[in-house]
Amino acid sequence: NSVPAPACRDGFDPATIQGLSHHR
């Protein structure tokens, strides 16, 4: 459960993280 980055998923609603591909 570490892909995508937890910082990009934790605390965000599902609509925000939908389609998340990577991080910079």
PDB file of all heavy atoms in Angstrom:
ATOM      1  N   ASN A   1       0.820  -1.219   0.000  1.00  0.00           N
ATOM      2  CA  ASN A   1       0.000   0.000   0.000  1.00  0.00           C
ATOM      3  C   ASN A   1       0.854   1.269   0.000  1.00  0.00           C
ATOM      4  O   ASN A   1       0.521   2.248   0.667  1.00  0.00           O
ATOM      5  CB  ASN A   1      -0.969  -0.012   1.179  1.00  0.00           C
ATOM      6  CG  ASN A   1      -2.122   0.949   0.948  1.00  0.00           C
ATOM      7  OD1 ASN A   1      -2.472   1.268  -0.190  1.00  0.00           O
ATOM      8  ND2 ASN A   1      -2.733   1.399   2.024  1.00  0.00           N
ATOM      9  N   SER A   2       1.954   1.254  -0.733  1.00  0.00           N
ATOM     10  CA  SER A   2       2.811   2.441  -0.772  1.00  0.00           C
ATOM     11  C   SER A   2       2.911   3.047  -2.171  1.00  0.00           C
ATOM     12  O   SER A   2       3.686   3.961  -2.388  1.00  0.00           O
ATOM     13  CB  SER A   2       4.213   2.095  -0.265  1.00  0.00           C
ATOM     14  OG  SER A   2       4.810   1.125  -1.091  1.00  0.00           O
ATOM     15  N   VAL A   3       2.135   2.507  -3.126  1.00  0.00           N
ATOM     16  CA  VAL A   3       2.106   3.073  -4.476  1.00  0.00           C
ATOM     17  C   VAL A   3       0.660   3.330  -4.816  1.00  0.00           C
ATOM     18  O   VAL A   3      -0.156   2.412  -4.724  1.00  0.00           O
ATOM     19  CB  VAL A   3       2.734   2.103  -5.503  1.00  0.00           C
ATOM     20  CG1 VAL A   3       2.600   2.646  -6.908  1.00  0.00           C
ATOM     21  CG2 VAL A   3       4.182   1.828  -5.165  1.00  0.00           C
ATOM     22  N   PRO A   4       0.259   4.489  -5.184  1.00  0.00           N
ATOM     23  CA  PRO A   4       1.007   5.746  -5.233  1.00  0.00           C
ATOM     24  C   PRO A   4       1.399   6.217  -3.830  1.00  0.00           C
ATOM     25  O   PRO A   4       0.953   5.663  -2.841  1.00  0.00           O
ATOM     26  CB  PRO A   4       0.046   6.731  -5.900  1.00  0.00           C
ATOM     27  CG  PRO A   4      -1.308   6.161  -5.716  1.00  0.00           C
ATOM     28  CD  PRO A   4      -1.137   4.676  -5.563  1.00  0.00           C
ATOM     29  N   ALA A   5       2.209   7.237  -3.793  1.00  0.00           N
ATOM     30  CA  ALA A   5       2.780   7.717  -2.534  1.00  0.00           C
ATOM     31  C   ALA A   5       1.686   7.995  -1.506  1.00  0.00           C
ATOM     32  O   ALA A   5       0.689   8.640  -1.811  1.00  0.00           O
ATOM     33  CB  ALA A   5       3.592   8.977  -2.772  1.00  0.00           C
ATOM     34  N   PRO A   6       1.876   7.498  -0.270  1.00  0.00           N
ATOM     35  CA  PRO A   6       0.875   7.743   0.776  1.00  0.00           C
ATOM     36  C   PRO A   6       0.603   9.227   1.020  1.00  0.00           C
ATOM     37  O   PRO A   6      -0.520   9.604   1.348  1.00  0.00           O
ATOM     38  CB  PRO A   6       1.494   7.085   2.009  1.00  0.00           C
ATOM     39  CG  PRO A   6       2.402   6.033   1.475  1.00  0.00           C
ATOM     40  CD  PRO A   6       2.940   6.599   0.187  1.00  0.00           C
ATOM     41  N   ALA A   7       1.608  10.082   0.836  1.00  0.00           N
ATOM     42  CA  ALA A   7       1.402  11.519   1.041  1.00  0.00           C
ATOM     43  C   ALA A   7       0.410  12.087   0.027  1.00  0.00           C
ATOM     44  O   ALA A   7      -0.242  13.093   0.303  1.00  0.00           O
ATOM     45  CB  ALA A   7       2.732  12.261   0.924  1.00  0.00           C
ATOM     46  N   CYS A   8       0.281  11.438  -1.114  1.00  0.00           N
ATOM     47  CA  CYS A   8      -0.668  11.893  -2.141  1.00  0.00           C
ATOM     48  C   CYS A   8      -2.065  11.336  -1.919  1.00  0.00           C
ATOM     49  O   CYS A   8      -3.027  11.815  -2.517  1.00  0.00           O
ATOM     50  CB  CYS A   8      -0.174  11.482  -3.530  1.00  0.00           C
ATOM     51  SG  CYS A   8       1.309  12.332  -4.069  1.00  0.00           S
ATOM     52  N   ARG A   9      -2.194  10.307  -1.084  1.00  0.00           N
ATOM     53  CA  ARG A   9      -3.489   9.677  -0.858  1.00  0.00           C
ATOM     54  C   ARG A   9      -4.093  10.012   0.487  1.00  0.00           C
ATOM     55  O   ARG A   9      -5.287  10.232   0.600  1.00  0.00           O
ATOM     56  CB  ARG A   9      -3.351   8.150  -0.948  1.00  0.00           C
ATOM     57  CG  ARG A   9      -3.042   7.644  -2.318  1.00  0.00           C
ATOM     58  CD  ARG A   9      -2.880   6.147  -2.339  1.00  0.00           C
ATOM     59  NE  ARG A   9      -1.653   5.788  -1.620  1.00  0.00           N
ATOM     60  CZ  ARG A   9      -1.580   4.849  -0.695  1.00  0.00           C
ATOM     61  NH1 ARG A   9      -2.622   4.167  -0.348  1.00  0.00           N
ATOM     62  NH2 ARG A   9      -0.433   4.588  -0.101  1.00  0.00           N
ATOM     63  N   ASP A  10      -3.285  10.024   1.519  1.00  0.00           N
ATOM     64  CA  ASP A  10      -3.793  10.180   2.883  1.00  0.00           C
ATOM     65  C   ASP A  10      -4.351  11.582   3.107  1.00  0.00           C
ATOM     66  O   ASP A  10      -3.676  12.576   2.874  1.00  0.00           O
ATOM     67  CB  ASP A  10      -2.690   9.894   3.906  1.00  0.00           C
ATOM     68  CG  ASP A  10      -2.175   8.468   3.818  1.00  0.00           C
ATOM     69  OD1 ASP A  10      -2.863   7.627   3.206  1.00  0.00           O
ATOM     70  OD2 ASP A  10      -1.078   8.200   4.353  1.00  0.00           O
ATOM     71  N   GLY A  11      -5.582  11.628   3.570  1.00  0.00           N
ATOM     72  CA  GLY A  11      -6.208  12.901   3.894  1.00  0.00           C
ATOM     73  C   GLY A  11      -6.906  13.575   2.723  1.00  0.00           C
ATOM     74  O   GLY A  11      -7.407  14.693   2.864  1.00  0.00           O
ATOM     75  N   PHE A  12      -6.934  12.954   1.568  1.00  0.00           N
ATOM     76  CA  PHE A  12      -7.595  13.530   0.395  1.00  0.00           C
ATOM     77  C   PHE A  12      -8.836  12.721   0.064  1.00  0.00           C
ATOM     78  O   PHE A  12      -8.871  11.506   0.268  1.00  0.00           O
ATOM     79  CB  PHE A  12      -6.653  13.545  -0.818  1.00  0.00           C
ATOM     80  CG  PHE A  12      -5.480  14.471  -0.662  1.00  0.00           C
ATOM     81  CD1 PHE A  12      -4.230  13.975  -0.311  1.00  0.00           C
ATOM     82  CD2 PHE A  12      -5.628  15.835  -0.842  1.00  0.00           C
ATOM     83  CE1 PHE A  12      -3.153  14.812  -0.154  1.00  0.00           C
ATOM     84  CE2 PHE A  12      -4.547  16.684  -0.691  1.00  0.00           C
ATOM     85  CZ  PHE A  12      -3.307  16.174  -0.344  1.00  0.00           C
ATOM     86  N   ASP A  13      -9.836  13.402  -0.472  1.00  0.00           N
ATOM     87  CA  ASP A  13     -11.062  12.699  -0.840  1.00  0.00           C
ATOM     88  C   ASP A  13     -10.816  11.881  -2.117  1.00  0.00           C
ATOM     89  O   ASP A  13      -9.892  12.161  -2.882  1.00  0.00           O
ATOM     90  CB  ASP A  13     -12.217  13.687  -1.026  1.00  0.00           C
ATOM     91  CG  ASP A  13     -11.940  14.691  -2.115  1.00  0.00           C
ATOM     92  OD1 ASP A  13     -11.174  15.651  -1.858  1.00  0.00           O
ATOM     93  OD2 ASP A  13     -12.485  14.521  -3.215  1.00  0.00           O
ATOM     94  N   PRO A  14     -11.636  10.861  -2.362  1.00  0.00           N
ATOM     95  CA  PRO A  14     -11.433   9.982  -3.526  1.00  0.00           C
ATOM     96  C   PRO A  14     -11.450  10.724  -4.865  1.00  0.00           C
ATOM     97  O   PRO A  14     -10.756  10.330  -5.800  1.00  0.00           O
ATOM     98  CB  PRO A  14     -12.585   8.985  -3.442  1.00  0.00           C
ATOM     99  CG  PRO A  14     -12.958   8.958  -1.996  1.00  0.00           C
ATOM    100  CD  PRO A  14     -12.708  10.357  -1.494  1.00  0.00           C
ATOM    101  N   ALA A  15     -12.236  11.795  -4.973  1.00  0.00           N
ATOM    102  CA  ALA A  15     -12.282  12.546  -6.231  1.00  0.00           C
ATOM    103  C   ALA A  15     -10.944  13.228  -6.525  1.00  0.00           C
ATOM    104  O   ALA A  15     -10.540  13.357  -7.679  1.00  0.00           O
ATOM    105  CB  ALA A  15     -13.389  13.591  -6.172  1.00  0.00           C
ATOM    106  N   THR A  16     -10.243  13.638  -5.474  1.00  0.00           N
ATOM    107  CA  THR A  16      -8.954  14.305  -5.660  1.00  0.00           C
ATOM    108  C   THR A  16      -7.889  13.332  -6.124  1.00  0.00           C
ATOM    109  O   THR A  16      -7.104  13.638  -7.019  1.00  0.00           O
ATOM    110  CB  THR A  16      -8.498  14.975  -4.346  1.00  0.00           C
ATOM    111  OG1 THR A  16      -9.493  15.898  -3.926  1.00  0.00           O
ATOM    112  CG2 THR A  16      -7.186  15.706  -4.523  1.00  0.00           C
ATOM    113  N   ILE A  17      -7.870  12.142  -5.552  1.00  0.00           N
ATOM    114  CA  ILE A  17      -6.801  11.191  -5.879  1.00  0.00           C
ATOM    115  C   ILE A  17      -7.129  10.311  -7.087  1.00  0.00           C
ATOM    116  O   ILE A  17      -6.292   9.518  -7.497  1.00  0.00           O
ATOM    117  CB  ILE A  17      -6.449  10.311  -4.656  1.00  0.00           C
ATOM    118  CG1 ILE A  17      -7.632   9.490  -4.200  1.00  0.00           C
ATOM    119  CG2 ILE A  17      -5.892  11.147  -3.551  1.00  0.00           C
ATOM    120  CD1 ILE A  17      -7.308   8.506  -3.098  1.00  0.00           C
ATOM    121  N   GLN A  18      -8.303  10.483  -7.675  1.00  0.00           N
ATOM    122  CA  GLN A  18      -8.661   9.680  -8.831  1.00  0.00           C
ATOM    123  C   GLN A  18      -7.720   9.988  -9.999  1.00  0.00           C
ATOM    124  O   GLN A  18      -7.474  11.138 -10.329  1.00  0.00           O
ATOM    125  CB  GLN A  18     -10.098   9.945  -9.249  1.00  0.00           C
ATOM    126  CG  GLN A  18     -10.536   9.072 -10.390  1.00  0.00           C
ATOM    127  CD  GLN A  18     -12.017   8.819 -10.348  1.00  0.00           C
ATOM    128  OE1 GLN A  18     -12.730   9.390  -9.548  1.00  0.00           O
ATOM    129  NE2 GLN A  18     -12.470   7.949 -11.228  1.00  0.00           N
ATOM    130  N   GLY A  19      -7.203   8.970 -10.598  1.00  0.00           N
ATOM    131  CA  GLY A  19      -6.319   9.123 -11.740  1.00  0.00           C
ATOM    132  C   GLY A  19      -4.894   9.478 -11.365  1.00  0.00           C
ATOM    133  O   GLY A  19      -4.109   9.915 -12.208  1.00  0.00           O
ATOM    134  N   LEU A  20      -4.527   9.280 -10.119  1.00  0.00           N
ATOM    135  CA  LEU A  20      -3.171   9.601  -9.650  1.00  0.00           C
ATOM    136  C   LEU A  20      -2.171   8.682 -10.348  1.00  0.00           C
ATOM    137  O   LEU A  20      -2.327   7.467 -10.367  1.00  0.00           O
ATOM    138  CB  LEU A  20      -3.110   9.406  -8.140  1.00  0.00           C
ATOM    139  CG  LEU A  20      -1.874   9.872  -7.410  1.00  0.00           C
ATOM    140  CD1 LEU A  20      -1.674  11.366  -7.590  1.00  0.00           C
ATOM    141  CD2 LEU A  20      -1.992   9.548  -5.940  1.00  0.00           C
ATOM    142  N   SER A  21      -1.148   9.267 -10.973  1.00  0.00           N
ATOM    143  CA  SER A  21      -0.189   8.443 -11.708  1.00  0.00           C
ATOM    144  C   SER A  21       1.187   8.396 -11.052  1.00  0.00           C
ATOM    145  O   SER A  21       1.805   7.344 -10.985  1.00  0.00           O
ATOM    146  CB  SER A  21      -0.047   8.924 -13.146  1.00  0.00           C
ATOM    147  OG  SER A  21       0.517  10.217 -13.184  1.00  0.00           O
ATOM    148  N   HIS A  22       1.690   9.523 -10.573  1.00  0.00           N
ATOM    149  CA  HIS A  22       3.017   9.539  -9.954  1.00  0.00           C
ATOM    150  C   HIS A  22       3.171  10.812  -9.119  1.00  0.00           C
ATOM    151  O   HIS A  22       2.230  11.578  -8.972  1.00  0.00           O
ATOM    152  CB  HIS A  22       4.127   9.438 -11.002  1.00  0.00           C
ATOM    153  CG  HIS A  22       4.194  10.577 -11.953  1.00  0.00           C
ATOM    154  ND1 HIS A  22       3.323  10.731 -13.022  1.00  0.00           N
ATOM    155  CD2 HIS A  22       5.023  11.641 -12.007  1.00  0.00           C
ATOM    156  CE1 HIS A  22       3.619  11.825 -13.687  1.00  0.00           C
ATOM    157  NE2 HIS A  22       4.638  12.408 -13.095  1.00  0.00           N
ATOM    158  N   HIS A  23       4.365  11.009  -8.585  1.00  0.00           N
ATOM    159  CA  HIS A  23       4.637  12.220  -7.799  1.00  0.00           C
ATOM    160  C   HIS A  23       5.965  12.818  -8.238  1.00  0.00           C
ATOM    161  O   HIS A  23       6.783  12.165  -8.884  1.00  0.00           O
ATOM    162  CB  HIS A  23       4.662  11.902  -6.301  1.00  0.00           C
ATOM    163  CG  HIS A  23       5.861  11.112  -5.888  1.00  0.00           C
ATOM    164  ND1 HIS A  23       5.904   9.750  -5.958  1.00  0.00           N
ATOM    165  CD2 HIS A  23       7.066  11.500  -5.420  1.00  0.00           C
ATOM    166  CE1 HIS A  23       7.071   9.313  -5.547  1.00  0.00           C
ATOM    167  NE2 HIS A  23       7.817  10.358  -5.212  1.00  0.00           N
ATOM    168  N   ARG A  24       6.154  14.085  -7.882  1.00  0.00           N
ATOM    169  CA  ARG A  24       7.430  14.775  -8.109  1.00  0.00           C
ATOM    170  C   ARG A  24       7.828  15.415  -6.790  1.00  0.00           C
ATOM    171  O   ARG A  24       7.018  16.089  -6.150  1.00  0.00           O
ATOM    172  CB  ARG A  24       7.289  15.884  -9.156  1.00  0.00           C
ATOM    173  CG  ARG A  24       6.992  15.393 -10.541  1.00  0.00           C
ATOM    174  CD  ARG A  24       6.973  16.540 -11.506  1.00  0.00           C
ATOM    175  NE  ARG A  24       5.896  17.461 -11.161  1.00  0.00           N
ATOM    176  CZ  ARG A  24       5.112  18.078 -12.027  1.00  0.00           C
ATOM    177  NH1 ARG A  24       5.291  17.891 -13.307  1.00  0.00           N
ATOM    178  NH2 ARG A  24       4.158  18.890 -11.637  1.00  0.00           N
TER     179      ARG A  24
END
